[in-house]
Amino acid sequence: MIFISLTALSSACKVKDSIEDDLFGCNGYDTEINSLLEELTAAQTAYTNDPTTSTCNSYVSAMDTYVTEVYEYLDCIPGAQKQAYRDGLDQWNTSLDETRDSCDAL
């Protein structure tokens, strides 16, 4: 009987957490961030291997998307990791501006 009650409570908490995640747009945020990072890495590799205006612009676009999307997920990131992400995004913004200037110079 106690096991059933604890299981029901646990299930209710998971449903509540899932609903809150959906309300705040946090459901699956870590998977989305990893996906964005993979896209960014692919664009960076393409630009490194073939530094043309086209690959540079694709890299800038991927950087811009990554920064914009991850900023939207900052409230989902727990504890001290949030500040680390915020600091990293600030660095990415600087790099984004520099890379955009590099594309213009090609």
N, C-alpha and C. Protein backbone atom coordinates (compact mmCIF):
# COMPACT_ATOMS: atom_id res chain seq x y z
N MET A 1 0.82 -1.19 0.00
CA MET A 1 0.00 0.00 0.00
C MET A 1 0.87 1.26 0.00
N ILE A 2 1.91 1.29 0.84
CA ILE A 2 2.80 2.45 0.89
C ILE A 2 3.54 2.58 -0.44
N PHE A 3 3.96 1.46 -1.01
CA PHE A 3 4.67 1.49 -2.28
C PHE A 3 3.80 2.12 -3.36
N ILE A 4 2.54 1.75 -3.40
CA ILE A 4 1.62 2.30 -4.39
C ILE A 4 1.47 3.80 -4.19
N SER A 5 1.36 4.25 -2.96
CA SER A 5 1.22 5.68 -2.68
C SER A 5 2.46 6.46 -3.10
N LEU A 6 3.64 5.91 -2.80
CA LEU A 6 4.88 6.58 -3.19
C LEU A 6 5.02 6.61 -4.70
N THR A 7 4.64 5.54 -5.35
CA THR A 7 4.70 5.50 -6.81
C THR A 7 3.76 6.53 -7.41
N ALA A 8 2.56 6.63 -6.86
CA ALA A 8 1.60 7.61 -7.36
C ALA A 8 2.12 9.03 -7.14
N LEU A 9 2.71 9.29 -5.97
CA LEU A 9 3.26 10.61 -5.68
C LEU A 9 4.41 10.93 -6.62
N SER A 10 5.28 9.96 -6.83
CA SER A 10 6.41 10.15 -7.73
C SER A 10 5.92 10.45 -9.14
N SER A 11 4.93 9.71 -9.59
CA SER A 11 4.37 9.94 -10.92
C SER A 11 3.75 11.32 -11.02
N ALA A 12 3.04 11.73 -9.99
CA ALA A 12 2.42 13.05 -9.98
C ALA A 12 3.47 14.14 -10.04
N CYS A 13 4.57 13.97 -9.32
CA CYS A 13 5.65 14.96 -9.34
C CYS A 13 6.29 15.03 -10.72
N LYS A 14 6.48 13.87 -11.35
CA LYS A 14 7.07 13.86 -12.69
C LYS A 14 6.16 14.56 -13.68
N VAL A 15 4.86 14.32 -13.57
CA VAL A 15 3.91 14.99 -14.46
C VAL A 15 3.95 16.49 -14.21
N LYS A 16 3.98 16.89 -12.93
CA LYS A 16 4.04 18.31 -12.59
C LYS A 16 5.31 18.94 -13.16
N ASP A 17 6.47 18.27 -12.98
CA ASP A 17 7.72 18.80 -13.52
C ASP A 17 7.66 18.91 -15.03
N SER A 18 7.08 17.90 -15.67
CA SER A 18 6.97 17.91 -17.11
C SER A 18 6.09 19.06 -17.59
N ILE A 19 4.99 19.29 -16.89
CA ILE A 19 4.10 20.40 -17.24
C ILE A 19 4.82 21.73 -17.05
N GLU A 20 5.54 21.88 -15.93
CA GLU A 20 6.28 23.13 -15.70
C GLU A 20 7.35 23.31 -16.77
N ASP A 21 8.05 22.24 -17.13
CA ASP A 21 9.06 22.34 -18.18
C ASP A 21 8.43 22.81 -19.48
N ASP A 22 7.27 22.26 -19.82
CA ASP A 22 6.60 22.66 -21.04
C ASP A 22 6.15 24.12 -20.97
N LEU A 23 5.65 24.55 -19.81
CA LEU A 23 5.19 25.93 -19.66
C LEU A 23 6.34 26.92 -19.82
N PHE A 24 7.50 26.56 -19.33
CA PHE A 24 8.64 27.46 -19.39
C PHE A 24 9.54 27.19 -20.59
N GLY A 25 9.16 26.25 -21.44
CA GLY A 25 9.93 25.94 -22.63
C GLY A 25 11.23 25.22 -22.35
N CYS A 26 11.31 24.53 -21.22
CA CYS A 26 12.56 23.88 -20.84
C CYS A 26 12.60 22.40 -21.19
N ASN A 27 11.50 21.85 -21.59
CA ASN A 27 11.47 20.43 -21.88
C ASN A 27 12.40 20.11 -23.06
N GLY A 28 13.46 19.37 -22.79
CA GLY A 28 14.41 18.99 -23.83
C GLY A 28 15.42 20.05 -24.19
N TYR A 29 15.58 21.06 -23.34
CA TYR A 29 16.50 22.15 -23.67
C TYR A 29 17.93 21.65 -23.86
N ASP A 30 18.36 20.68 -23.06
CA ASP A 30 19.73 20.20 -23.16
C ASP A 30 19.98 19.49 -24.49
N THR A 31 18.99 18.76 -24.96
CA THR A 31 19.11 18.11 -26.27
C THR A 31 19.18 19.15 -27.37
N GLU A 32 18.37 20.18 -27.25
CA GLU A 32 18.37 21.25 -28.25
C GLU A 32 19.71 21.99 -28.27
N ILE A 33 20.26 22.27 -27.10
CA ILE A 33 21.56 22.95 -27.03
C ILE A 33 22.64 22.08 -27.68
N ASN A 34 22.62 20.79 -27.40
CA ASN A 34 23.60 19.88 -28.01
C ASN A 34 23.45 19.85 -29.53
N SER A 35 22.23 19.85 -30.01
CA SER A 35 21.98 19.86 -31.45
C SER A 35 22.51 21.14 -32.09
N LEU A 36 22.26 22.26 -31.44
CA LEU A 36 22.76 23.55 -31.94
C LEU A 36 24.29 23.57 -31.96
N LEU A 37 24.88 22.98 -30.93
CA LEU A 37 26.34 22.94 -30.86
C LEU A 37 26.92 22.06 -31.98
N GLU A 38 26.25 20.97 -32.29
CA GLU A 38 26.69 20.12 -33.40
C GLU A 38 26.63 20.87 -34.72
N GLU A 39 25.55 21.63 -34.93
CA GLU A 39 25.41 22.43 -36.15
C GLU A 39 26.50 23.50 -36.21
N LEU A 40 26.77 24.12 -35.09
CA LEU A 40 27.81 25.14 -35.02
C LEU A 40 29.18 24.55 -35.33
N THR A 41 29.46 23.40 -34.75
CA THR A 41 30.74 22.73 -34.98
C THR A 41 30.90 22.35 -36.45
N ALA A 42 29.84 21.86 -37.06
CA ALA A 42 29.90 21.49 -38.48
C ALA A 42 30.17 22.72 -39.35
N ALA A 43 29.51 23.83 -39.03
CA ALA A 43 29.72 25.07 -39.79
C ALA A 43 31.14 25.60 -39.59
N GLN A 44 31.64 25.49 -38.38
CA GLN A 44 33.00 25.94 -38.09
C GLN A 44 34.01 25.09 -38.85
N THR A 45 33.81 23.80 -38.86
CA THR A 45 34.70 22.89 -39.58
C THR A 45 34.68 23.18 -41.08
N ALA A 46 33.49 23.40 -41.62
CA ALA A 46 33.37 23.71 -43.05
C ALA A 46 34.12 25.00 -43.39
N TYR A 47 33.99 26.00 -42.54
CA TYR A 47 34.68 27.27 -42.77
C TYR A 47 36.19 27.11 -42.63
N THR A 48 36.62 26.34 -41.65
CA THR A 48 38.05 26.11 -41.45
C THR A 48 38.66 25.39 -42.65
N ASN A 49 37.94 24.41 -43.18
CA ASN A 49 38.44 23.63 -44.31
C ASN A 49 38.32 24.35 -45.65
N ASP A 50 37.40 25.30 -45.74
CA ASP A 50 37.16 26.02 -46.99
C ASP A 50 36.74 27.45 -46.67
N PRO A 51 37.71 28.31 -46.36
CA PRO A 51 37.39 29.67 -45.92
C PRO A 51 36.92 30.59 -47.05
N THR A 52 35.68 30.37 -47.47
CA THR A 52 35.07 31.20 -48.50
C THR A 52 33.98 32.07 -47.88
N THR A 53 33.51 33.01 -48.65
CA THR A 53 32.44 33.88 -48.16
C THR A 53 31.20 33.06 -47.79
N SER A 54 30.90 32.07 -48.60
CA SER A 54 29.72 31.24 -48.35
C SER A 54 29.83 30.46 -47.04
N THR A 55 30.97 29.79 -46.83
CA THR A 55 31.12 29.02 -45.59
C THR A 55 31.25 29.94 -44.38
N CYS A 56 31.83 31.10 -44.58
CA CYS A 56 31.93 32.07 -43.49
C CYS A 56 30.54 32.55 -43.08
N ASN A 57 29.73 32.88 -44.07
CA ASN A 57 28.37 33.33 -43.76
C ASN A 57 27.54 32.24 -43.10
N SER A 58 27.76 31.00 -43.51
CA SER A 58 27.07 29.87 -42.86
C SER A 58 27.52 29.72 -41.41
N TYR A 59 28.80 29.91 -41.19
CA TYR A 59 29.34 29.84 -39.83
C TYR A 59 28.76 30.96 -38.96
N VAL A 60 28.72 32.16 -39.49
CA VAL A 60 28.15 33.30 -38.75
C VAL A 60 26.68 33.03 -38.43
N SER A 61 25.96 32.49 -39.39
CA SER A 61 24.55 32.18 -39.18
C SER A 61 24.38 31.13 -38.07
N ALA A 62 25.22 30.11 -38.09
CA ALA A 62 25.16 29.07 -37.05
C ALA A 62 25.53 29.64 -35.68
N MET A 63 26.52 30.53 -35.65
CA MET A 63 26.89 31.17 -34.39
C MET A 63 25.75 32.02 -33.85
N ASP A 64 25.15 32.79 -34.74
CA ASP A 64 24.05 33.66 -34.34
C ASP A 64 22.87 32.84 -33.82
N THR A 65 22.55 31.76 -34.50
CA THR A 65 21.46 30.89 -34.07
C THR A 65 21.77 30.28 -32.71
N TYR A 66 23.00 29.80 -32.54
CA TYR A 66 23.40 29.20 -31.26
C TYR A 66 23.25 30.20 -30.12
N VAL A 67 23.80 31.38 -30.29
CA VAL A 67 23.76 32.39 -29.23
C VAL A 67 22.31 32.77 -28.91
N THR A 68 21.53 33.03 -29.94
CA THR A 68 20.14 33.44 -29.74
C THR A 68 19.33 32.36 -29.03
N GLU A 69 19.46 31.13 -29.50
CA GLU A 69 18.68 30.03 -28.93
C GLU A 69 19.11 29.71 -27.50
N VAL A 70 20.40 29.69 -27.24
CA VAL A 70 20.87 29.35 -25.89
C VAL A 70 20.47 30.44 -24.90
N TYR A 71 20.49 31.71 -25.33
CA TYR A 71 20.01 32.78 -24.45
C TYR A 71 18.57 32.50 -24.02
N GLU A 72 17.77 31.98 -24.93
CA GLU A 72 16.37 31.68 -24.60
C GLU A 72 16.25 30.57 -23.57
N TYR A 73 17.25 29.71 -23.48
CA TYR A 73 17.22 28.59 -22.53
C TYR A 73 17.92 28.89 -21.20
N LEU A 74 18.45 30.08 -21.02
CA LEU A 74 19.21 30.37 -19.80
C LEU A 74 18.42 30.09 -18.52
N ASP A 75 17.14 30.38 -18.51
CA ASP A 75 16.35 30.14 -17.31
C ASP A 75 16.18 28.65 -17.02
N CYS A 76 16.43 27.82 -17.99
CA CYS A 76 16.31 26.37 -17.81
C CYS A 76 17.58 25.76 -17.21
N ILE A 77 18.68 26.44 -17.35
CA ILE A 77 19.98 25.90 -16.94
C ILE A 77 20.14 26.08 -15.43
N PRO A 78 20.46 24.99 -14.75
CA PRO A 78 20.52 25.04 -13.28
C PRO A 78 21.79 25.68 -12.73
N GLY A 79 21.63 26.30 -11.57
CA GLY A 79 22.72 26.75 -10.71
C GLY A 79 23.87 27.47 -11.37
N ALA A 80 25.07 27.05 -10.97
CA ALA A 80 26.31 27.70 -11.41
C ALA A 80 26.53 27.55 -12.91
N GLN A 81 25.94 26.53 -13.50
CA GLN A 81 26.09 26.35 -14.94
C GLN A 81 25.51 27.54 -15.71
N LYS A 82 24.48 28.16 -15.15
CA LYS A 82 23.84 29.28 -15.82
C LYS A 82 24.85 30.41 -16.06
N GLN A 83 25.64 30.73 -15.05
CA GLN A 83 26.63 31.81 -15.20
C GLN A 83 27.70 31.41 -16.21
N ALA A 84 28.10 30.16 -16.19
CA ALA A 84 29.10 29.69 -17.15
C ALA A 84 28.57 29.82 -18.58
N TYR A 85 27.30 29.46 -18.78
CA TYR A 85 26.70 29.62 -20.10
C TYR A 85 26.62 31.10 -20.48
N ARG A 86 26.22 31.93 -19.53
CA ARG A 86 26.11 33.37 -19.79
C ARG A 86 27.48 33.94 -20.20
N ASP A 87 28.53 33.56 -19.47
CA ASP A 87 29.88 34.02 -19.81
C ASP A 87 30.30 33.53 -21.19
N GLY A 88 30.00 32.27 -21.46
CA GLY A 88 30.32 31.71 -22.77
C GLY A 88 29.59 32.41 -23.90
N LEU A 89 28.33 32.74 -23.67
CA LEU A 89 27.56 33.44 -24.69
C LEU A 89 28.11 34.83 -24.95
N ASP A 90 28.57 35.49 -23.90
CA ASP A 90 29.20 36.80 -24.08
C ASP A 90 30.44 36.68 -24.97
N GLN A 91 31.22 35.64 -24.75
CA GLN A 91 32.41 35.40 -25.58
C GLN A 91 32.01 35.08 -27.02
N TRP A 92 30.95 34.28 -27.17
CA TRP A 92 30.48 33.95 -28.51
C TRP A 92 30.00 35.20 -29.24
N ASN A 93 29.36 36.10 -28.52
CA ASN A 93 28.91 37.35 -29.15
C ASN A 93 30.09 38.15 -29.69
N THR A 94 31.15 38.22 -28.92
CA THR A 94 32.36 38.91 -29.37
C THR A 94 32.94 38.22 -30.60
N SER A 95 33.02 36.91 -30.53
CA SER A 95 33.55 36.13 -31.65
C SER A 95 32.65 36.27 -32.88
N LEU A 96 31.36 36.33 -32.65
CA LEU A 96 30.41 36.49 -33.75
C LEU A 96 30.67 37.79 -34.49
N ASP A 97 30.84 38.87 -33.76
CA ASP A 97 31.12 40.16 -34.39
C ASP A 97 32.43 40.13 -35.17
N GLU A 98 33.46 39.52 -34.59
CA GLU A 98 34.76 39.43 -35.26
C GLU A 98 34.67 38.57 -36.52
N THR A 99 33.95 37.47 -36.44
CA THR A 99 33.82 36.59 -37.59
C THR A 99 32.99 37.25 -38.69
N ARG A 100 31.96 37.96 -38.30
CA ARG A 100 31.15 38.69 -39.28
C ARG A 100 32.02 39.70 -40.03
N ASP A 101 32.90 40.38 -39.31
CA ASP A 101 33.83 41.32 -39.95
C ASP A 101 34.78 40.58 -40.90
N SER A 102 35.22 39.40 -40.50
CA SER A 102 36.10 38.59 -41.36
C SER A 102 35.39 38.19 -42.65
N CYS A 103 34.12 37.85 -42.54
CA CYS A 103 33.36 37.49 -43.74
C CYS A 103 33.27 38.67 -44.70
N ASP A 104 33.06 39.84 -44.14
CA ASP A 104 32.96 41.04 -44.97
C ASP A 104 34.28 41.33 -45.69
N ALA A 105 35.39 40.91 -45.08
CA ALA A 105 36.70 41.17 -45.66
C ALA A 105 37.09 40.15 -46.73
N LEU A 106 36.36 39.05 -46.83
CA LEU A 106 36.71 38.02 -47.84
C LEU A 106 36.40 38.48 -49.24
